């Protein structure tokens, strides 16, 4: 994943919890800012830190249009969007941050490179 690529993203407080729709030109940096409570506002106030969905696009104007579209959707449509690709509501932060999944990390520590 390119670091500086426009993206639309959805954060959740927990599976099927409070949702937040955002747009950014640097997904890794922005999600980290949310997770560390560096941004005042909704996500900090309601503990919305779990990255559950994102979409990378080529241009920021496309990302902004998509964000505005999703913000107008009802909650059920947003949940459907998340569950289409992430039915378990996994936190995708490790994936975008390059952090190995625990089972892959365990195998590396045992000397089994995968």
PDB file of N, CA and C in Angstrom:
ATOM      1  N   UNK A   1       0.845  -1.184   0.000  1.00  0.00           N
ATOM      2  CA  UNK A   1       0.000   0.000   0.000  1.00  0.00           C
ATOM      3  C   UNK A   1       0.885   1.240   0.000  1.00  0.00           C
ATOM      4  N   UNK A   2       0.584   2.171  -0.891  1.00  0.00           N
ATOM      5  CA  UNK A   2       1.299   3.448  -0.889  1.00  0.00           C
ATOM      6  C   UNK A   2       0.892   4.223   0.355  1.00  0.00           C
ATOM      7  N   UNK A   3       1.865   4.848   0.992  1.00  0.00           N
ATOM      8  CA  UNK A   3       1.579   5.595   2.221  1.00  0.00           C
ATOM      9  C   UNK A   3       0.697   6.797   1.923  1.00  0.00           C
ATOM     10  N   UNK A   4       1.043   7.540   0.922  1.00  0.00           N
ATOM     11  CA  UNK A   4       0.281   8.750   0.608  1.00  0.00           C
ATOM     12  C   UNK A   4      -0.663   8.476  -0.559  1.00  0.00           C
ATOM     13  N   UNK A   5      -1.755   7.835  -0.229  1.00  0.00           N
ATOM     14  CA  UNK A   5      -2.785   7.543  -1.224  1.00  0.00           C
ATOM     15  C   UNK A   5      -4.128   7.899  -0.619  1.00  0.00           C
ATOM     16  N   UNK A   6      -4.939   8.646  -1.333  1.00  0.00           N
ATOM     17  CA  UNK A   6      -6.253   9.005  -0.786  1.00  0.00           C
ATOM     18  C   UNK A   6      -7.051   7.760  -0.407  1.00  0.00           C
ATOM     19  N   UNK A   7      -7.769   7.881   0.696  1.00  0.00           N
ATOM     20  CA  UNK A   7      -8.554   6.748   1.187  1.00  0.00           C
ATOM     21  C   UNK A   7      -9.791   7.243   1.924  1.00  0.00           C
ATOM     22  N   UNK A   8     -10.824   6.437   1.848  1.00  0.00           N
ATOM     23  CA  UNK A   8     -12.031   6.601   2.649  1.00  0.00           C
ATOM     24  C   UNK A   8     -11.994   5.452   3.642  1.00  0.00           C
ATOM     25  N   UNK A   9     -12.393   5.695   4.882  1.00  0.00           N
ATOM     26  CA  UNK A   9     -12.291   4.639   5.887  1.00  0.00           C
ATOM     27  C   UNK A   9     -13.441   4.699   6.871  1.00  0.00           C
ATOM     28  N   UNK A  10     -13.691   3.548   7.483  1.00  0.00           N
ATOM     29  CA  UNK A  10     -14.686   3.444   8.545  1.00  0.00           C
ATOM     30  C   UNK A  10     -14.011   2.917   9.797  1.00  0.00           C
ATOM     31  N   UNK A  11     -14.230   3.614  10.896  1.00  0.00           N
ATOM     32  CA  UNK A  11     -13.765   3.174  12.204  1.00  0.00           C
ATOM     33  C   UNK A  11     -14.981   2.754  13.017  1.00  0.00           C
ATOM     34  N   UNK A  12     -14.781   1.843  13.955  1.00  0.00           N
ATOM     35  CA  UNK A  12     -15.851   1.412  14.854  1.00  0.00           C
ATOM     36  C   UNK A  12     -15.314   1.343  16.274  1.00  0.00           C
ATOM     37  N   UNK A  13     -16.199   1.522  17.237  1.00  0.00           N
ATOM     38  CA  UNK A  13     -15.800   1.402  18.640  1.00  0.00           C
ATOM     39  C   UNK A  13     -15.676  -0.068  19.040  1.00  0.00           C
ATOM     40  N   UNK A  14     -16.465  -0.921  18.392  1.00  0.00           N
ATOM     41  CA  UNK A  14     -16.479  -2.369  18.621  1.00  0.00           C
ATOM     42  C   UNK A  14     -17.323  -2.954  17.496  1.00  0.00           C
ATOM     43  N   UNK A  15     -17.395  -4.277  17.367  1.00  0.00           N
ATOM     44  CA  UNK A  15     -18.260  -4.831  16.329  1.00  0.00           C
ATOM     45  C   UNK A  15     -19.691  -4.309  16.467  1.00  0.00           C
ATOM     46  N   UNK A  16     -20.191  -3.760  15.390  1.00  0.00           N
ATOM     47  CA  UNK A  16     -21.531  -3.167  15.311  1.00  0.00           C
ATOM     48  C   UNK A  16     -21.739  -2.031  16.309  1.00  0.00           C
ATOM     49  N   UNK A  17     -20.634  -1.387  16.700  1.00  0.00           N
ATOM     50  CA  UNK A  17     -20.705  -0.269  17.639  1.00  0.00           C
ATOM     51  C   UNK A  17     -20.840   1.059  16.920  1.00  0.00           C
ATOM     52  N   UNK A  18     -20.373   2.097  17.568  1.00  0.00           N
ATOM     53  CA  UNK A  18     -20.397   3.440  17.004  1.00  0.00           C
ATOM     54  C   UNK A  18     -19.496   3.485  15.781  1.00  0.00           C
ATOM     55  N   UNK A  19     -19.958   4.123  14.703  1.00  0.00           N
ATOM     56  CA  UNK A  19     -19.211   4.192  13.451  1.00  0.00           C
ATOM     57  C   UNK A  19     -18.777   5.618  13.146  1.00  0.00           C
ATOM     58  N   UNK A  20     -17.649   5.724  12.455  1.00  0.00           N
ATOM     59  CA  UNK A  20     -17.127   7.012  12.001  1.00  0.00           C
ATOM     60  C   UNK A  20     -16.625   6.841  10.577  1.00  0.00           C
ATOM     61  N   UNK A  21     -17.004   7.752   9.689  1.00  0.00           N
ATOM     62  CA  UNK A  21     -16.538   7.748   8.300  1.00  0.00           C
ATOM     63  C   UNK A  21     -15.559   8.898   8.134  1.00  0.00           C
ATOM     64  N   UNK A  22     -14.400   8.606   7.540  1.00  0.00           N
ATOM     65  CA  UNK A  22     -13.403   9.642   7.328  1.00  0.00           C
ATOM     66  C   UNK A  22     -12.733   9.528   5.981  1.00  0.00           C
ATOM     67  N   UNK A  23     -11.961  10.555   5.650  1.00  0.00           N
ATOM     68  CA  UNK A  23     -11.190  10.596   4.408  1.00  0.00           C
ATOM     69  C   UNK A  23      -9.815  11.148   4.749  1.00  0.00           C
ATOM     70  N   UNK A  24      -8.804  10.669   4.056  1.00  0.00           N
ATOM     71  CA  UNK A  24      -7.442  11.101   4.340  1.00  0.00           C
ATOM     72  C   UNK A  24      -6.554  10.876   3.127  1.00  0.00           C
ATOM     73  N   UNK A  25      -5.417  11.543   3.112  1.00  0.00           N
ATOM     74  CA  UNK A  25      -4.417  11.298   2.072  1.00  0.00           C
ATOM     75  C   UNK A  25      -3.331  10.358   2.586  1.00  0.00           C
ATOM     76  N   UNK A  26      -3.383  10.013   3.881  1.00  0.00           N
ATOM     77  CA  UNK A  26      -2.370   9.132   4.471  1.00  0.00           C
ATOM     78  C   UNK A  26      -3.060   8.260   5.524  1.00  0.00           C
ATOM     79  N   UNK A  27      -3.538   7.095   5.108  1.00  0.00           N
ATOM     80  CA  UNK A  27      -4.357   6.247   5.976  1.00  0.00           C
ATOM     81  C   UNK A  27      -3.620   5.782   7.220  1.00  0.00           C
ATOM     82  N   UNK A  28      -2.378   5.349   7.079  1.00  0.00           N
ATOM     83  CA  UNK A  28      -1.629   4.850   8.236  1.00  0.00           C
ATOM     84  C   UNK A  28      -1.491   5.946   9.291  1.00  0.00           C
ATOM     85  N   UNK A  29      -1.071   7.122   8.861  1.00  0.00           N
ATOM     86  CA  UNK A  29      -0.894   8.235   9.801  1.00  0.00           C
ATOM     87  C   UNK A  29      -2.222   8.621  10.454  1.00  0.00           C
ATOM     88  N   UNK A  30      -3.291   8.727   9.663  1.00  0.00           N
ATOM     89  CA  UNK A  30      -4.565   9.175  10.217  1.00  0.00           C
ATOM     90  C   UNK A  30      -5.149   8.172  11.212  1.00  0.00           C
ATOM     91  N   UNK A  31      -5.099   6.887  10.884  1.00  0.00           N
ATOM     92  CA  UNK A  31      -5.633   5.885  11.814  1.00  0.00           C
ATOM     93  C   UNK A  31      -4.804   5.883  13.091  1.00  0.00           C
ATOM     94  N   UNK A  32      -3.487   6.017  12.973  1.00  0.00           N
ATOM     95  CA  UNK A  32      -2.625   6.095  14.160  1.00  0.00           C
ATOM     96  C   UNK A  32      -3.032   7.294  15.025  1.00  0.00           C
ATOM     97  N   UNK A  33      -3.318   8.430  14.399  1.00  0.00           N
ATOM     98  CA  UNK A  33      -3.743   9.611  15.155  1.00  0.00           C
ATOM     99  C   UNK A  33      -5.050   9.341  15.896  1.00  0.00           C
ATOM    100  N   UNK A  34      -5.985   8.660  15.250  1.00  0.00           N
ATOM    101  CA  UNK A  34      -7.242   8.305  15.925  1.00  0.00           C
ATOM    102  C   UNK A  34      -6.960   7.373  17.099  1.00  0.00           C
ATOM    103  N   UNK A  35      -6.146   6.345  16.875  1.00  0.00           N
ATOM    104  CA  UNK A  35      -5.872   5.333  17.901  1.00  0.00           C
ATOM    105  C   UNK A  35      -5.185   5.925  19.131  1.00  0.00           C
ATOM    106  N   UNK A  36      -4.343   6.924  18.893  1.00  0.00           N
ATOM    107  CA  UNK A  36      -3.594   7.559  19.980  1.00  0.00           C
ATOM    108  C   UNK A  36      -4.343   8.748  20.589  1.00  0.00           C
ATOM    109  N   UNK A  37      -5.580   8.978  20.160  1.00  0.00           N
ATOM    110  CA  UNK A  37      -6.398  10.093  20.649  1.00  0.00           C
ATOM    111  C   UNK A  37      -5.723  11.443  20.450  1.00  0.00           C
ATOM    112  N   UNK A  38      -5.028  11.594  19.329  1.00  0.00           N
ATOM    113  CA  UNK A  38      -4.368  12.859  19.026  1.00  0.00           C
ATOM    114  C   UNK A  38      -5.301  13.849  18.346  1.00  0.00           C
ATOM    115  N   UNK A  39      -6.443  13.366  17.886  1.00  0.00           N
ATOM    116  CA  UNK A  39      -7.409  14.222  17.203  1.00  0.00           C
ATOM    117  C   UNK A  39      -8.602  14.457  18.121  1.00  0.00           C
ATOM    118  N   UNK A  40      -8.857  15.710  18.418  1.00  0.00           N
ATOM    119  CA  UNK A  40     -10.014  16.052  19.238  1.00  0.00           C
ATOM    120  C   UNK A  40     -11.286  15.785  18.442  1.00  0.00           C
ATOM    121  N   UNK A  41     -12.337  15.425  19.134  1.00  0.00           N
ATOM    122  CA  UNK A  41     -13.608  15.290  18.455  1.00  0.00           C
ATOM    123  C   UNK A  41     -14.263  13.943  18.680  1.00  0.00           C
ATOM    124  N   UNK A  42     -15.059  13.553  17.686  1.00  0.00           N
ATOM    125  CA  UNK A  42     -15.943  12.402  17.789  1.00  0.00           C
ATOM    126  C   UNK A  42     -15.227  11.105  18.148  1.00  0.00           C
ATOM    127  N   UNK A  43     -14.157  10.766  17.421  1.00  0.00           N
ATOM    128  CA  UNK A  43     -13.512   9.465  17.658  1.00  0.00           C
ATOM    129  C   UNK A  43     -12.872   9.389  19.041  1.00  0.00           C
ATOM    130  N   UNK A  44     -12.329  10.481  19.501  1.00  0.00           N
ATOM    131  CA  UNK A  44     -11.747  10.503  20.844  1.00  0.00           C
ATOM    132  C   UNK A  44     -12.847  10.420  21.902  1.00  0.00           C
ATOM    133  N   UNK A  45     -13.900  11.193  21.731  1.00  0.00           N
ATOM    134  CA  UNK A  45     -14.999  11.243  22.696  1.00  0.00           C
ATOM    135  C   UNK A  45     -15.688   9.893  22.851  1.00  0.00           C
ATOM    136  N   UNK A  46     -15.858   9.162  21.742  1.00  0.00           N
ATOM    137  CA  UNK A  46     -16.616   7.914  21.787  1.00  0.00           C
ATOM    138  C   UNK A  46     -15.751   6.661  21.666  1.00  0.00           C
ATOM    139  N   UNK A  47     -14.437   6.796  21.708  1.00  0.00           N
ATOM    140  CA  UNK A  47     -13.550   5.641  21.666  1.00  0.00           C
ATOM    141  C   UNK A  47     -13.659   4.836  20.380  1.00  0.00           C
ATOM    142  N   UNK A  48     -13.725   5.530  19.268  1.00  0.00           N
ATOM    143  CA  UNK A  48     -13.872   4.884  17.955  1.00  0.00           C
ATOM    144  C   UNK A  48     -12.481   4.773  17.323  1.00  0.00           C
ATOM    145  N   UNK A  49     -11.846   3.614  17.512  1.00  0.00           N
ATOM    146  CA  UNK A  49     -10.450   3.454  17.099  1.00  0.00           C
ATOM    147  C   UNK A  49     -10.188   2.240  16.219  1.00  0.00           C
ATOM    148  N   UNK A  50     -11.153   1.391  16.008  1.00  0.00           N
ATOM    149  CA  UNK A  50     -10.959   0.136  15.263  1.00  0.00           C
ATOM    150  C   UNK A  50     -11.209   0.383  13.773  1.00  0.00           C
ATOM    151  N   UNK A  51     -10.169   0.210  12.950  1.00  0.00           N
ATOM    152  CA  UNK A  51     -10.320   0.335  11.502  1.00  0.00           C
ATOM    153  C   UNK A  51     -10.996  -0.932  10.987  1.00  0.00           C
ATOM    154  N   UNK A  52     -12.212  -0.785  10.450  1.00  0.00           N
ATOM    155  CA  UNK A  52     -12.959  -1.967  10.018  1.00  0.00           C
ATOM    156  C   UNK A  52     -13.180  -2.021   8.508  1.00  0.00           C
ATOM    157  N   UNK A  53     -12.921  -0.921   7.809  1.00  0.00           N
ATOM    158  CA  UNK A  53     -13.094  -0.897   6.355  1.00  0.00           C
ATOM    159  C   UNK A  53     -12.327   0.282   5.805  1.00  0.00           C
ATOM    160  N   UNK A  54     -11.749   0.102   4.615  1.00  0.00           N
ATOM    161  CA  UNK A  54     -11.159   1.237   3.911  1.00  0.00           C
ATOM    162  C   UNK A  54     -11.171   0.965   2.425  1.00  0.00           C
ATOM    163  N   UNK A  55     -11.100   2.043   1.678  1.00  0.00           N
ATOM    164  CA  UNK A  55     -11.075   1.971   0.221  1.00  0.00           C
ATOM    165  C   UNK A  55     -10.037   2.970  -0.269  1.00  0.00           C
ATOM    166  N   UNK A  56      -9.051   2.491  -0.997  1.00  0.00           N
ATOM    167  CA  UNK A  56      -8.024   3.352  -1.561  1.00  0.00           C
ATOM    168  C   UNK A  56      -8.467   3.810  -2.945  1.00  0.00           C
ATOM    169  N   UNK A  57      -8.222   5.064  -3.247  1.00  0.00           N
ATOM    170  CA  UNK A  57      -8.570   5.627  -4.553  1.00  0.00           C
ATOM    171  C   UNK A  57      -7.370   6.404  -5.082  1.00  0.00           C
ATOM    172  N   UNK A  58      -7.463   6.837  -6.340  1.00  0.00           N
ATOM    173  CA  UNK A  58      -6.332   7.517  -6.967  1.00  0.00           C
ATOM    174  C   UNK A  58      -6.281   9.024  -6.735  1.00  0.00           C
ATOM    175  N   UNK A  59      -7.451   9.616  -6.479  1.00  0.00           N
ATOM    176  CA  UNK A  59      -7.490  11.067  -6.338  1.00  0.00           C
ATOM    177  C   UNK A  59      -8.305  11.473  -5.114  1.00  0.00           C
ATOM    178  N   UNK A  60      -7.900  12.562  -4.493  1.00  0.00           N
ATOM    179  CA  UNK A  60      -8.579  13.031  -3.288  1.00  0.00           C
ATOM    180  C   UNK A  60     -10.017  13.463  -3.573  1.00  0.00           C
ATOM    181  N   UNK A  61     -10.289  14.049  -4.717  1.00  0.00           N
ATOM    182  CA  UNK A  61     -11.668  14.459  -5.005  1.00  0.00           C
ATOM    183  C   UNK A  61     -12.594  13.244  -5.069  1.00  0.00           C
ATOM    184  N   UNK A  62     -12.090  12.121  -5.554  1.00  0.00           N
ATOM    185  CA  UNK A  62     -12.877  10.888  -5.597  1.00  0.00           C
ATOM    186  C   UNK A  62     -13.127  10.392  -4.168  1.00  0.00           C
ATOM    187  N   UNK A  63     -12.102  10.461  -3.332  1.00  0.00           N
ATOM    188  CA  UNK A  63     -12.236  10.031  -1.934  1.00  0.00           C
ATOM    189  C   UNK A  63     -13.258  10.889  -1.194  1.00  0.00           C
ATOM    190  N   UNK A  64     -13.213  12.181  -1.413  1.00  0.00           N
ATOM    191  CA  UNK A  64     -14.143  13.096  -0.736  1.00  0.00           C
ATOM    192  C   UNK A  64     -15.577  12.829  -1.175  1.00  0.00           C
ATOM    193  N   UNK A  65     -15.787  12.614  -2.469  1.00  0.00           N
ATOM    194  CA  UNK A  65     -17.138  12.296  -2.960  1.00  0.00           C
ATOM    195  C   UNK A  65     -17.649  10.995  -2.345  1.00  0.00           C
ATOM    196  N   UNK A  66     -16.763   9.989  -2.268  1.00  0.00           N
ATOM    197  CA  UNK A  66     -17.161   8.702  -1.700  1.00  0.00           C
ATOM    198  C   UNK A  66     -17.491   8.838  -0.215  1.00  0.00           C
ATOM    199  N   UNK A  67     -16.681   9.607   0.515  1.00  0.00           N
ATOM    200  CA  UNK A  67     -16.947   9.841   1.940  1.00  0.00           C
ATOM    201  C   UNK A  67     -18.319  10.492   2.129  1.00  0.00           C
ATOM    202  N   UNK A  68     -18.604  11.513   1.341  1.00  0.00           N
ATOM    203  CA  UNK A  68     -19.895  12.205   1.454  1.00  0.00           C
ATOM    204  C   UNK A  68     -21.042  11.263   1.130  1.00  0.00           C
ATOM    205  N   UNK A  69     -20.842  10.392   0.139  1.00  0.00           N
ATOM    206  CA  UNK A  69     -21.866   9.415  -0.224  1.00  0.00           C
ATOM    207  C   UNK A  69     -22.143   8.475   0.942  1.00  0.00           C
ATOM    208  N   UNK A  70     -21.079   7.909   1.523  1.00  0.00           N
ATOM    209  CA  UNK A  70     -21.237   6.948   2.618  1.00  0.00           C
ATOM    210  C   UNK A  70     -21.831   7.617   3.860  1.00  0.00           C
ATOM    211  N   UNK A  71     -21.456   8.857   4.130  1.00  0.00           N
ATOM    212  CA  UNK A  71     -22.010   9.561   5.290  1.00  0.00           C
ATOM    213  C   UNK A  71     -23.525   9.710   5.200  1.00  0.00           C
ATOM    214  N   UNK A  72     -24.052   9.768   3.982  1.00  0.00           N
ATOM    215  CA  UNK A  72     -25.503   9.901   3.800  1.00  0.00           C
ATOM    216  C   UNK A  72     -26.233   8.570   3.959  1.00  0.00           C
ATOM    217  N   UNK A  73     -25.503   7.476   3.888  1.00  0.00           N
ATOM    218  CA  UNK A  73     -26.119   6.149   3.986  1.00  0.00           C
ATOM    219  C   UNK A  73     -26.694   5.911   5.371  1.00  0.00           C
ATOM    220  N   UNK A  74     -27.699   5.047   5.436  1.00  0.00           N
ATOM    221  CA  UNK A  74     -28.198   4.653   6.745  1.00  0.00           C
ATOM    222  C   UNK A  74     -27.221   3.641   7.362  1.00  0.00           C
ATOM    223  N   UNK A  75     -27.365   3.450   8.640  1.00  0.00           N
ATOM    224  CA  UNK A  75     -26.455   2.584   9.393  1.00  0.00           C
ATOM    225  C   UNK A  75     -26.398   1.157   8.832  1.00  0.00           C
ATOM    226  N   UNK A  76     -27.531   0.610   8.444  1.00  0.00           N
ATOM    227  CA  UNK A  76     -27.574  -0.760   7.927  1.00  0.00           C
ATOM    228  C   UNK A  76     -26.711  -0.908   6.671  1.00  0.00           C
ATOM    229  N   UNK A  77     -26.709   0.092   5.806  1.00  0.00           N
ATOM    230  CA  UNK A  77     -25.897   0.022   4.586  1.00  0.00           C
ATOM    231  C   UNK A  77     -24.405   0.065   4.933  1.00  0.00           C
ATOM    232  N   UNK A  78     -24.035   0.879   5.925  1.00  0.00           N
ATOM    233  CA  UNK A  78     -22.630   0.949   6.339  1.00  0.00           C
ATOM    234  C   UNK A  78     -22.190  -0.391   6.920  1.00  0.00           C
ATOM    235  N   UNK A  79     -23.036  -0.989   7.735  1.00  0.00           N
ATOM    236  CA  UNK A  79     -22.726  -2.299   8.318  1.00  0.00           C
ATOM    237  C   UNK A  79     -22.580  -3.345   7.210  1.00  0.00           C
ATOM    238  N   UNK A  80     -23.461  -3.293   6.235  1.00  0.00           N
ATOM    239  CA  UNK A  80     -23.380  -4.230   5.106  1.00  0.00           C
ATOM    240  C   UNK A  80     -22.069  -4.050   4.344  1.00  0.00           C
ATOM    241  N   UNK A  81     -21.645  -2.808   4.138  1.00  0.00           N
ATOM    242  CA  UNK A  81     -20.382  -2.524   3.459  1.00  0.00           C
ATOM    243  C   UNK A  81     -19.213  -3.131   4.227  1.00  0.00           C
ATOM    244  N   UNK A  82     -19.196  -2.951   5.533  1.00  0.00           N
ATOM    245  CA  UNK A  82     -18.126  -3.506   6.372  1.00  0.00           C
ATOM    246  C   UNK A  82     -18.146  -5.030   6.306  1.00  0.00           C
ATOM    247  N   UNK A  83     -19.305  -5.614   6.513  1.00  0.00           N
ATOM    248  CA  UNK A  83     -19.394  -7.071   6.641  1.00  0.00           C
ATOM    249  C   UNK A  83     -19.175  -7.808   5.322  1.00  0.00           C
ATOM    250  N   UNK A  84     -19.293  -7.109   4.198  1.00  0.00           N
ATOM    251  CA  UNK A  84     -19.022  -7.735   2.906  1.00  0.00           C
ATOM    252  C   UNK A  84     -17.568  -8.211   2.840  1.00  0.00           C
ATOM    253  N   UNK A  85     -16.637  -7.382   3.316  1.00  0.00           N
ATOM    254  CA  UNK A  85     -15.211  -7.723   3.271  1.00  0.00           C
ATOM    255  C   UNK A  85     -14.628  -8.090   4.633  1.00  0.00           C
ATOM    256  N   UNK A  86     -15.324  -7.745   5.707  1.00  0.00           N
ATOM    257  CA  UNK A  86     -14.791  -7.944   7.048  1.00  0.00           C
ATOM    258  C   UNK A  86     -15.906  -8.426   7.987  1.00  0.00           C
ATOM    259  N   UNK A  87     -16.445  -9.630   7.746  1.00  0.00           N
ATOM    260  CA  UNK A  87     -17.590 -10.096   8.539  1.00  0.00           C
ATOM    261  C   UNK A  87     -17.307 -10.231  10.031  1.00  0.00           C
ATOM    262  N   UNK A  88     -16.062 -10.440  10.407  1.00  0.00           N
ATOM    263  CA  UNK A  88     -15.715 -10.590  11.825  1.00  0.00           C
ATOM    264  C   UNK A  88     -15.397  -9.243  12.486  1.00  0.00           C
ATOM    265  N   UNK A  89     -15.451  -8.178  11.727  1.00  0.00           N
ATOM    266  CA  UNK A  89     -15.136  -6.845  12.235  1.00  0.00           C
ATOM    267  C   UNK A  89     -13.714  -6.792  12.815  1.00  0.00           C
ATOM    268  N   UNK A  90     -12.793  -7.488  12.150  1.00  0.00           N
ATOM    269  CA  UNK A  90     -11.392  -7.446  12.579  1.00  0.00           C
ATOM    270  C   UNK A  90     -10.870  -6.012  12.505  1.00  0.00           C
ATOM    271  N   UNK A  91      -9.973  -5.684  13.410  1.00  0.00           N
ATOM    272  CA  UNK A  91      -9.288  -4.399  13.339  1.00  0.00           C
ATOM    273  C   UNK A  91      -8.221  -4.529  12.259  1.00  0.00           C
ATOM    274  N   UNK A  92      -8.326  -3.735  11.202  1.00  0.00           N
ATOM    275  CA  UNK A  92      -7.409  -3.816  10.070  1.00  0.00           C
ATOM    276  C   UNK A  92      -6.127  -3.014  10.278  1.00  0.00           C
ATOM    277  N   UNK A  93      -6.001  -2.383  11.425  1.00  0.00           N
ATOM    278  CA  UNK A  93      -4.806  -1.580  11.718  1.00  0.00           C
ATOM    279  C   UNK A  93      -3.516  -2.373  11.522  1.00  0.00           C
ATOM    280  N   UNK A  94      -3.374  -3.580  12.076  1.00  0.00           N
ATOM    281  CA  UNK A  94      -2.118  -4.309  11.869  1.00  0.00           C
ATOM    282  C   UNK A  94      -1.804  -4.526  10.385  1.00  0.00           C
ATOM    283  N   UNK A  95      -2.827  -4.750   9.597  1.00  0.00           N
ATOM    284  CA  UNK A  95      -2.646  -4.973   8.162  1.00  0.00           C
ATOM    285  C   UNK A  95      -2.052  -3.749   7.470  1.00  0.00           C
ATOM    286  N   UNK A  96      -2.575  -2.569   7.751  1.00  0.00           N
ATOM    287  CA  UNK A  96      -2.074  -1.370   7.069  1.00  0.00           C
ATOM    288  C   UNK A  96      -0.779  -0.859   7.692  1.00  0.00           C
ATOM    289  N   UNK A  97      -0.559  -1.166   8.960  1.00  0.00           N
ATOM    290  CA  UNK A  97       0.645  -0.691   9.650  1.00  0.00           C
ATOM    291  C   UNK A  97       1.832  -1.629   9.442  1.00  0.00           C
ATOM    292  N   UNK A  98       1.575  -2.792   8.804  1.00  0.00           N
ATOM    293  CA  UNK A  98       2.647  -3.748   8.566  1.00  0.00           C
ATOM    294  C   UNK A  98       3.010  -4.567   9.786  1.00  0.00           C
ATOM    295  N   UNK A  99       2.096  -4.664  10.739  1.00  0.00           N
ATOM    296  CA  UNK A  99       2.329  -5.458  11.945  1.00  0.00           C
ATOM    297  C   UNK A  99       1.891  -6.884  11.663  1.00  0.00           C
ATOM    298  N   UNK A 100       2.758  -7.883  11.849  1.00  0.00           N
ATOM    299  CA  UNK A 100       2.342  -9.257  11.557  1.00  0.00           C
ATOM    300  C   UNK A 100       1.219  -9.717  12.472  1.00  0.00           C
ATOM    301  N   UNK A 101       0.340 -10.553  11.922  1.00  0.00           N
ATOM    302  CA  UNK A 101      -0.721 -11.145  12.725  1.00  0.00           C
ATOM    303  C   UNK A 101      -0.079 -12.050  13.766  1.00  0.00           C
ATOM    304  N   UNK A 102      -0.682 -12.189  14.955  1.00  0.00           N
ATOM    305  CA  UNK A 102      -0.062 -12.970  16.031  1.00  0.00           C
ATOM    306  C   UNK A 102       0.381 -14.367  15.603  1.00  0.00           C
ATOM    307  N   UNK A 103      -0.440 -15.086  14.828  1.00  0.00           N
ATOM    308  CA  UNK A 103      -0.055 -16.446  14.439  1.00  0.00           C
ATOM    309  C   UNK A 103       1.146 -16.439  13.500  1.00  0.00           C
ATOM    310  N   UNK A 104       1.265 -15.420  12.639  1.00  0.00           N
ATOM    311  CA  UNK A 104       2.439 -15.327  11.758  1.00  0.00           C
ATOM    312  C   UNK A 104       3.666 -14.933  12.562  1.00  0.00           C
ATOM    313  N   UNK A 105       3.480 -14.043  13.531  1.00  0.00           N
ATOM    314  CA  UNK A 105       4.584 -13.630  14.385  1.00  0.00           C
ATOM    315  C   UNK A 105       5.092 -14.823  15.186  1.00  0.00           C
ATOM    316  N   UNK A 106       4.174 -15.630  15.741  1.00  0.00           N
ATOM    317  CA  UNK A 106       4.570 -16.815  16.501  1.00  0.00           C
ATOM    318  C   UNK A 106       5.402 -17.751  15.657  1.00  0.00           C
ATOM    319  N   UNK A 107       5.008 -17.985  14.396  1.00  0.00           N
ATOM    320  CA  UNK A 107       5.759 -18.901  13.541  1.00  0.00           C
ATOM    321  C   UNK A 107       7.138 -18.325  13.219  1.00  0.00           C
ATOM    322  N   UNK A 108       7.247 -17.023  13.068  1.00  0.00           N
ATOM    323  CA  UNK A 108       8.553 -16.396  12.820  1.00  0.00           C
ATOM    324  C   UNK A 108       9.464 -16.564  14.036  1.00  0.00           C
ATOM    325  N   UNK A 109       8.877 -16.407  15.229  1.00  0.00           N
ATOM    326  CA  UNK A 109       9.684 -16.556  16.450  1.00  0.00           C
ATOM    327  C   UNK A 109      10.181 -17.989  16.621  1.00  0.00           C
ATOM    328  N   UNK A 110       9.419 -18.946  16.099  1.00  0.00           N
ATOM    329  CA  UNK A 110       9.836 -20.352  16.167  1.00  0.00           C
ATOM    330  C   UNK A 110      10.796 -20.713  15.032  1.00  0.00           C
ATOM    331  N   UNK A 111      11.038 -19.748  14.132  1.00  0.00           N
ATOM    332  CA  UNK A 111      11.964 -19.988  13.040  1.00  0.00           C
ATOM    333  C   UNK A 111      11.311 -20.534  11.785  1.00  0.00           C
ATOM    334  N   UNK A 112       9.998 -20.484  11.717  1.00  0.00           N
ATOM    335  CA  UNK A 112       9.277 -20.952  10.536  1.00  0.00           C
ATOM    336  C   UNK A 112       8.871 -19.745   9.718  1.00  0.00           C
ATOM    337  N   UNK A 113       9.701 -19.325   8.787  1.00  0.00           N
ATOM    338  CA  UNK A 113       9.358 -18.180   7.952  1.00  0.00           C
ATOM    339  C   UNK A 113       8.256 -18.540   6.984  1.00  0.00           C
ATOM    340  N   UNK A 114       7.215 -17.761   6.974  1.00  0.00           N
ATOM    341  CA  UNK A 114       6.088 -17.982   6.052  1.00  0.00           C
ATOM    342  C   UNK A 114       5.963 -16.832   5.121  1.00  0.00           C
TER     343      UNK A 114
END
